[in-house]
Amino acid sequence: PGNLHIAKGVALEKAKRQKKINKRNRKFLHSKGNHKKKKKKDNLQNDFFFLARQDTFMENYFTSQRDNIFRNVEVLIYVFDVESRELEKDMHYYQSCLEAILQNSPDAKIFCLVHKMDLVQEDQRDLIFKEREEDLRRLSRPLECSCFRTSIWDETLYKAWSSIVYQLIPNVQQLEMNLRNFAEIIEADEVLLFERATFLVISHYQCKEQRDAHRFEKISNIIKQFKLSCSKLAASFQSMEVRNSNFAAFIDIFTSNTYVMVVMSDPSIPSAATLINIRNARKHFEKLERVDGPKQCLLMR
């Protein structure tokens, strides 16, 4: 009787867990369907679906939900743990994703993040990443994949995500050309375009050489921390001006999905003139965002 009660208890717990998983998956599919309807005209609006890599979920992805999840996907981002002890299983799941992508979204772009590289000995990082990159490119054929080595402790993760977001913009060359024209017209040293939610740099143009190669990540972190402080006071961040004897930097809402940062070193140009120029450029850059529809992205880890 004791063993019978234990067995019933185990079976009941398994049934409860499966019920929760099914409920969560139904919610996922429901939210996915609703989310696709938002901001159809917005070029910089992307739908990201995070797929956890637990075995139960993965089996579900490739059976009952395969067509729903992998149809009309623009980008697959697969995150590998460089110290994973289940490398063979990781590669198996990755190939299963690629097969589903080939069947449902053959034109999708593939990105692989080899993560937690800080845990690898420094003198071994280049070698290990190169080996992993070669394996992933070979397994990805006939699809092409771009690989990034990343860590939360340096700028590599920020650079990887910025590079991915950059490639999701279909009219990026036109955007960069217009950003260059804007910078030259207002005589700016540098103009940066940030994605509004994440503050990732999606485009920039510089007229003068800058010394700090990591300035984008530093600026992003500063603004995100400041936005967090604002939200704690029930206030929303809109704009900022930083000025000293050498330069003036203006950060302002630009389009519905971006912030702009303008750096000026000419002290004879008043702040009001720069702010008017930013305001006048908004409508033009809003039009550039409406060329194509939103993108869908899968993030698997």
Protein backbone atom coordinates (compact mmCIF):
# COMPACT_ATOMS: atom_id res chain seq x y z
CA PRO A 1 0.00 0.00 0.00
CA GLY A 2 2.81 2.39 0.87
CA ASN A 3 4.51 1.81 -2.51
CA LEU A 4 1.17 2.17 -4.27
CA HIS A 5 0.55 5.56 -2.63
CA ILE A 6 4.07 6.68 -3.58
CA ALA A 7 3.55 5.57 -7.19
CA LYS A 8 0.22 7.39 -7.32
CA GLY A 9 1.84 10.49 -5.87
CA VAL A 10 4.64 10.43 -8.45
CA ALA A 11 2.14 9.90 -11.29
CA LEU A 12 0.00 12.76 -9.99
CA GLU A 13 3.00 15.11 -9.81
CA LYS A 14 4.00 14.17 -13.36
CA ALA A 15 0.45 14.84 -14.56
CA LYS A 16 0.45 18.24 -12.83
CA ARG A 17 3.79 19.16 -14.39
CA GLN A 18 2.61 18.12 -17.85
CA LYS A 19 -0.60 20.11 -17.38
CA LYS A 20 1.44 23.21 -16.52
CA ILE A 21 3.68 22.66 -19.55
CA ASN A 22 0.67 22.31 -21.87
CA LYS A 23 -0.95 25.42 -20.37
CA ARG A 24 2.29 27.38 -20.81
CA ASN A 25 2.63 26.22 -24.40
CA ARG A 26 -0.98 27.24 -25.18
CA LYS A 27 -0.28 30.67 -23.71
CA PHE A 28 2.90 30.87 -25.78
CA LEU A 29 1.09 30.13 -29.03
CA HIS A 30 -1.73 32.52 -28.12
CA SER A 31 0.67 35.36 -27.35
CA LYS A 32 2.63 34.58 -30.51
CA GLY A 33 -0.48 34.95 -32.63
CA ASN A 34 -1.50 38.21 -30.99
CA HIS A 35 1.98 39.70 -31.11
CA LYS A 36 2.21 39.23 -34.87
CA LYS A 37 -0.60 41.76 -35.31
CA LYS A 38 1.26 44.63 -33.66
CA LYS A 39 2.95 47.44 -35.57
CA LYS A 40 2.69 45.93 -39.05
CA LYS A 41 4.24 48.97 -40.70
CA ASP A 42 7.18 49.22 -38.35
CA ASN A 43 10.50 48.33 -39.92
CA LEU A 44 12.42 48.24 -36.64
CA GLN A 45 9.80 46.25 -34.73
CA ASN A 46 10.93 42.65 -34.18
CA ASP A 47 9.06 39.73 -32.61
CA PHE A 48 11.40 37.67 -30.42
CA PHE A 49 10.29 34.27 -29.13
CA PHE A 50 12.49 32.79 -26.42
CA LEU A 51 12.52 28.98 -26.46
CA ALA A 52 13.96 27.26 -23.39
CA ARG A 53 16.18 24.27 -24.10
CA GLN A 54 14.86 21.81 -21.49
CA ASP A 55 14.35 18.36 -23.04
CA THR A 56 10.57 18.35 -22.48
CA PHE A 57 10.16 21.69 -24.21
CA MET A 58 12.45 20.76 -27.10
CA GLU A 59 10.47 17.59 -27.85
CA ASN A 60 7.30 19.67 -27.85
CA TYR A 61 8.82 22.23 -30.23
CA PHE A 62 9.65 19.57 -32.83
CA THR A 63 6.38 17.60 -32.63
CA SER A 64 3.06 19.34 -31.99
CA GLN A 65 4.33 22.94 -32.33
CA ARG A 66 6.90 22.57 -35.12
CA ASP A 67 4.97 24.34 -37.90
CA ASN A 68 3.60 27.09 -35.65
CA ILE A 69 6.99 28.03 -34.18
CA PHE A 70 9.25 27.73 -37.21
CA ARG A 71 7.00 29.18 -39.91
CA ASN A 72 7.80 32.70 -41.23
CA VAL A 73 10.92 33.03 -39.10
CA GLU A 74 13.41 35.67 -40.21
CA VAL A 75 16.17 34.88 -37.71
CA LEU A 76 17.24 31.96 -35.52
CA ILE A 77 19.59 32.82 -32.64
CA TYR A 78 20.99 29.74 -30.91
CA VAL A 79 22.99 30.13 -27.69
CA PHE A 80 25.58 27.47 -26.82
CA ASP A 81 27.20 27.10 -23.41
CA VAL A 82 30.90 26.71 -24.18
CA GLU A 83 31.34 24.53 -21.05
CA SER A 84 28.32 22.30 -21.70
CA ARG A 85 28.89 18.64 -20.87
CA GLU A 86 26.18 17.62 -23.33
CA LEU A 87 27.74 18.96 -26.51
CA GLU A 88 26.45 16.07 -28.63
CA LYS A 89 22.88 16.69 -27.45
CA ASP A 90 23.30 20.45 -28.00
CA MET A 91 24.37 19.84 -31.58
CA HIS A 92 21.50 17.38 -32.11
CA TYR A 93 18.92 19.96 -30.99
CA TYR A 94 20.61 22.62 -33.11
CA GLN A 95 20.39 20.43 -36.22
CA SER A 96 16.74 19.68 -35.44
CA CYS A 97 16.11 23.43 -35.39
CA LEU A 98 17.89 23.82 -38.72
CA GLU A 99 15.79 21.05 -40.28
CA ALA A 100 12.60 22.80 -39.10
CA ILE A 101 13.91 26.11 -40.42
CA LEU A 102 14.76 24.59 -43.81
CA GLN A 103 11.24 23.19 -44.13
CA ASN A 104 9.35 26.25 -42.92
CA SER A 105 11.62 29.30 -43.30
CA PRO A 106 14.48 28.50 -45.70
CA ASP A 107 15.50 32.17 -46.06
CA ALA A 108 16.03 32.73 -42.32
CA LYS A 109 19.35 34.08 -41.04
CA ILE A 110 21.19 31.92 -38.50
CA PHE A 111 23.26 33.27 -35.61
CA CYS A 112 25.11 31.21 -32.99
CA LEU A 113 26.40 32.63 -29.72
CA VAL A 114 29.19 30.64 -28.06
CA HIS A 115 28.51 31.94 -24.58
CA LYS A 116 30.39 32.07 -21.23
CA MET A 117 33.76 32.38 -22.95
CA ASP A 118 35.11 34.05 -19.80
CA LEU A 119 35.17 30.58 -18.18
CA VAL A 120 37.73 29.38 -20.73
CA GLN A 121 41.43 29.96 -20.08
CA GLU A 122 42.48 33.11 -21.88
CA ASP A 123 45.21 31.45 -23.97
CA GLN A 124 42.69 28.81 -25.16
CA ARG A 125 39.78 31.07 -26.13
CA ASP A 126 40.75 31.74 -29.75
CA LEU A 127 41.42 28.07 -30.45
CA ILE A 128 38.24 26.77 -28.80
CA PHE A 129 36.03 29.36 -30.46
CA LYS A 130 37.57 28.68 -33.89
CA GLU A 131 36.97 24.93 -33.51
CA ARG A 132 33.38 25.47 -32.36
CA GLU A 133 32.74 27.95 -35.19
CA GLU A 134 34.03 25.49 -37.81
CA ASP A 135 31.81 22.72 -36.41
CA LEU A 136 28.72 24.93 -36.40
CA ARG A 137 29.27 26.17 -39.95
CA ARG A 138 29.73 22.61 -41.15
CA LEU A 139 26.58 21.40 -39.38
CA SER A 140 24.58 24.39 -40.65
CA ARG A 141 25.02 23.62 -44.35
CA PRO A 142 23.32 24.38 -46.70
CA LEU A 143 22.38 27.34 -44.46
CA GLU A 144 24.94 29.98 -43.53
CA CYS A 145 25.51 30.84 -39.87
CA SER A 146 27.32 33.72 -38.20
CA CYS A 147 29.06 32.93 -34.92
CA PHE A 148 29.92 35.21 -32.00
CA ARG A 149 31.84 34.47 -28.85
CA THR A 150 30.19 36.16 -25.90
CA SER A 151 30.44 36.80 -22.18
CA ILE A 152 28.43 38.93 -19.76
CA TRP A 153 31.70 40.31 -18.34
CA ASP A 154 32.91 42.25 -21.37
CA GLU A 155 31.62 44.07 -24.45
CA THR A 156 31.30 40.93 -26.62
CA LEU A 157 27.64 40.26 -25.78
CA TYR A 158 26.67 43.85 -26.55
CA LYS A 159 28.60 43.74 -29.85
CA ALA A 160 26.97 40.46 -30.84
CA TRP A 161 23.43 41.69 -30.24
CA SER A 162 24.15 45.00 -31.97
CA SER A 163 25.46 43.10 -35.00
CA ILE A 164 22.37 40.88 -35.07
CA VAL A 165 19.93 43.80 -34.76
CA TYR A 166 21.90 45.65 -37.46
CA GLN A 167 21.35 42.76 -39.88
CA LEU A 168 17.61 42.68 -39.16
CA ILE A 169 17.13 46.14 -40.69
CA PRO A 170 16.23 45.59 -44.37
CA ASN A 171 16.97 49.17 -45.52
CA VAL A 172 20.09 49.64 -43.39
CA GLN A 173 22.18 51.11 -46.20
CA GLN A 174 19.58 53.79 -46.88
CA LEU A 175 19.37 54.46 -43.13
CA GLU A 176 23.15 54.88 -42.87
CA MET A 177 23.25 57.17 -45.91
CA ASN A 178 20.56 59.41 -44.42
CA LEU A 179 22.29 59.39 -41.04
CA ARG A 180 25.53 60.50 -42.71
CA ASN A 181 23.72 63.30 -44.55
CA PHE A 182 22.08 64.39 -41.31
CA ALA A 183 25.45 64.46 -39.50
CA GLU A 184 27.10 66.48 -42.27
CA ILE A 185 24.25 68.98 -42.55
CA ILE A 186 24.23 69.80 -38.81
CA GLU A 187 28.08 69.62 -38.63
CA ALA A 188 28.10 66.93 -35.93
CA ASP A 189 31.20 65.00 -34.87
CA GLU A 190 29.16 61.82 -34.49
CA VAL A 191 25.53 60.67 -34.71
CA LEU A 192 24.33 57.40 -33.18
CA LEU A 193 20.99 55.66 -33.55
CA PHE A 194 19.93 53.44 -30.62
CA GLU A 195 17.12 50.90 -30.52
CA ARG A 196 14.64 52.38 -28.06
CA ALA A 197 14.04 49.45 -25.67
CA THR A 198 17.51 47.87 -25.48
CA PHE A 199 19.69 50.88 -26.37
CA LEU A 200 21.67 48.74 -28.79
CA VAL A 201 23.43 50.76 -31.50
CA ILE A 202 21.77 50.02 -34.83
CA SER A 203 23.58 52.64 -36.91
CA HIS A 204 26.12 55.41 -36.49
CA TYR A 205 28.20 57.87 -38.46
CA GLN A 206 31.32 59.67 -37.26
CA CYS A 207 33.07 62.61 -38.88
CA LYS A 208 35.94 62.61 -36.41
CA GLU A 209 37.99 59.71 -35.05
CA GLN A 210 37.01 58.67 -31.53
CA ARG A 211 39.50 57.20 -29.05
CA ASP A 212 37.22 54.93 -27.00
CA ALA A 213 36.30 51.79 -28.96
CA HIS A 214 33.87 50.70 -26.21
CA ARG A 215 31.96 53.98 -25.97
CA PHE A 216 28.72 52.57 -27.40
CA GLU A 217 28.39 49.96 -24.67
CA LYS A 218 29.34 52.49 -21.97
CA ILE A 219 26.78 55.02 -23.18
CA SER A 220 24.12 52.33 -23.41
CA ASN A 221 24.75 51.15 -19.84
CA ILE A 222 24.72 54.72 -18.48
CA ILE A 223 21.40 55.54 -20.16
CA LYS A 224 19.78 52.25 -19.15
CA GLN A 225 20.76 52.85 -15.53
CA PHE A 226 19.44 56.40 -15.71
CA LYS A 227 16.16 55.17 -17.26
CA LEU A 228 15.86 52.66 -14.41
CA SER A 229 16.34 55.45 -11.86
CA CYS A 230 13.66 57.49 -13.62
CA SER A 231 11.19 54.60 -13.56
CA LYS A 232 11.68 54.19 -9.79
CA LEU A 233 10.45 57.77 -9.43
CA ALA A 234 7.49 57.09 -11.76
CA ALA A 235 9.10 59.29 -14.42
CA SER A 236 9.98 58.47 -18.04
CA PHE A 237 13.28 59.30 -19.72
CA GLN A 238 12.91 61.49 -22.80
CA SER A 239 16.08 63.47 -23.43
CA MET A 240 19.44 64.51 -22.01
CA GLU A 241 22.12 67.10 -22.74
CA VAL A 242 25.70 66.74 -21.48
CA ARG A 243 28.05 69.65 -22.05
CA ASN A 244 31.60 70.63 -21.10
CA SER A 245 34.35 72.82 -22.57
CA ASN A 246 35.19 70.26 -25.29
CA PHE A 247 31.86 68.97 -26.58
CA ALA A 248 28.09 68.79 -26.18
CA ALA A 249 26.14 65.53 -26.43
CA PHE A 250 22.38 65.40 -27.02
CA ILE A 251 20.30 62.25 -26.49
CA ASP A 252 16.66 62.50 -27.51
CA ILE A 253 13.70 60.42 -28.66
CA PHE A 254 13.97 60.22 -32.43
CA THR A 255 11.40 57.85 -33.94
CA SER A 256 8.86 55.52 -32.34
CA ASN A 257 11.57 52.85 -32.05
CA THR A 258 14.80 54.79 -31.69
CA TYR A 259 16.78 57.33 -29.72
CA VAL A 260 19.38 59.53 -31.37
CA MET A 261 22.64 60.82 -29.91
CA VAL A 262 24.31 63.83 -31.50
CA VAL A 263 27.84 64.87 -30.49
CA MET A 264 28.95 68.42 -31.29
CA SER A 265 32.34 70.02 -30.64
CA ASP A 266 31.68 73.45 -32.18
CA PRO A 267 30.91 75.80 -29.24
CA SER A 268 29.42 78.42 -31.55
CA ILE A 269 26.39 76.19 -32.32
CA PRO A 270 23.72 76.77 -29.65
CA SER A 271 21.82 73.88 -28.08
CA ALA A 272 18.51 75.16 -29.41
CA ALA A 273 19.74 74.87 -33.00
CA THR A 274 20.79 71.23 -32.56
CA LEU A 275 17.48 70.32 -30.86
CA ILE A 276 15.52 71.96 -33.70
CA ASN A 277 17.55 69.98 -36.25
CA ILE A 278 16.80 66.72 -34.41
CA ARG A 279 13.10 67.57 -34.29
CA ASN A 280 12.99 68.44 -38.01
CA ALA A 281 14.71 65.16 -38.97
CA ARG A 282 12.23 62.97 -37.09
CA LYS A 283 9.54 62.79 -39.78
CA HIS A 284 12.05 61.85 -42.46
CA PHE A 285 13.50 58.96 -40.42
CA GLU A 286 10.00 57.81 -39.40
CA LYS A 287 9.26 57.29 -43.11
CA LEU A 288 12.38 55.12 -43.46
CA GLU A 289 11.06 52.78 -40.74
CA ARG A 290 7.79 52.14 -42.59
CA VAL A 291 9.28 50.56 -45.70
CA ASP A 292 8.83 46.93 -44.60
CA GLY A 293 6.92 44.97 -41.99
CA PRO A 294 8.08 43.51 -38.67
CA LYS A 295 10.53 40.64 -38.31
CA GLN A 296 10.13 37.43 -36.32
CA CYS A 297 13.07 35.95 -34.47
CA LEU A 298 13.61 32.74 -32.54
CA LEU A 299 16.01 32.74 -29.61
CA MET A 300 16.95 29.25 -28.41
CA ARG A 301 19.15 28.48 -25.46
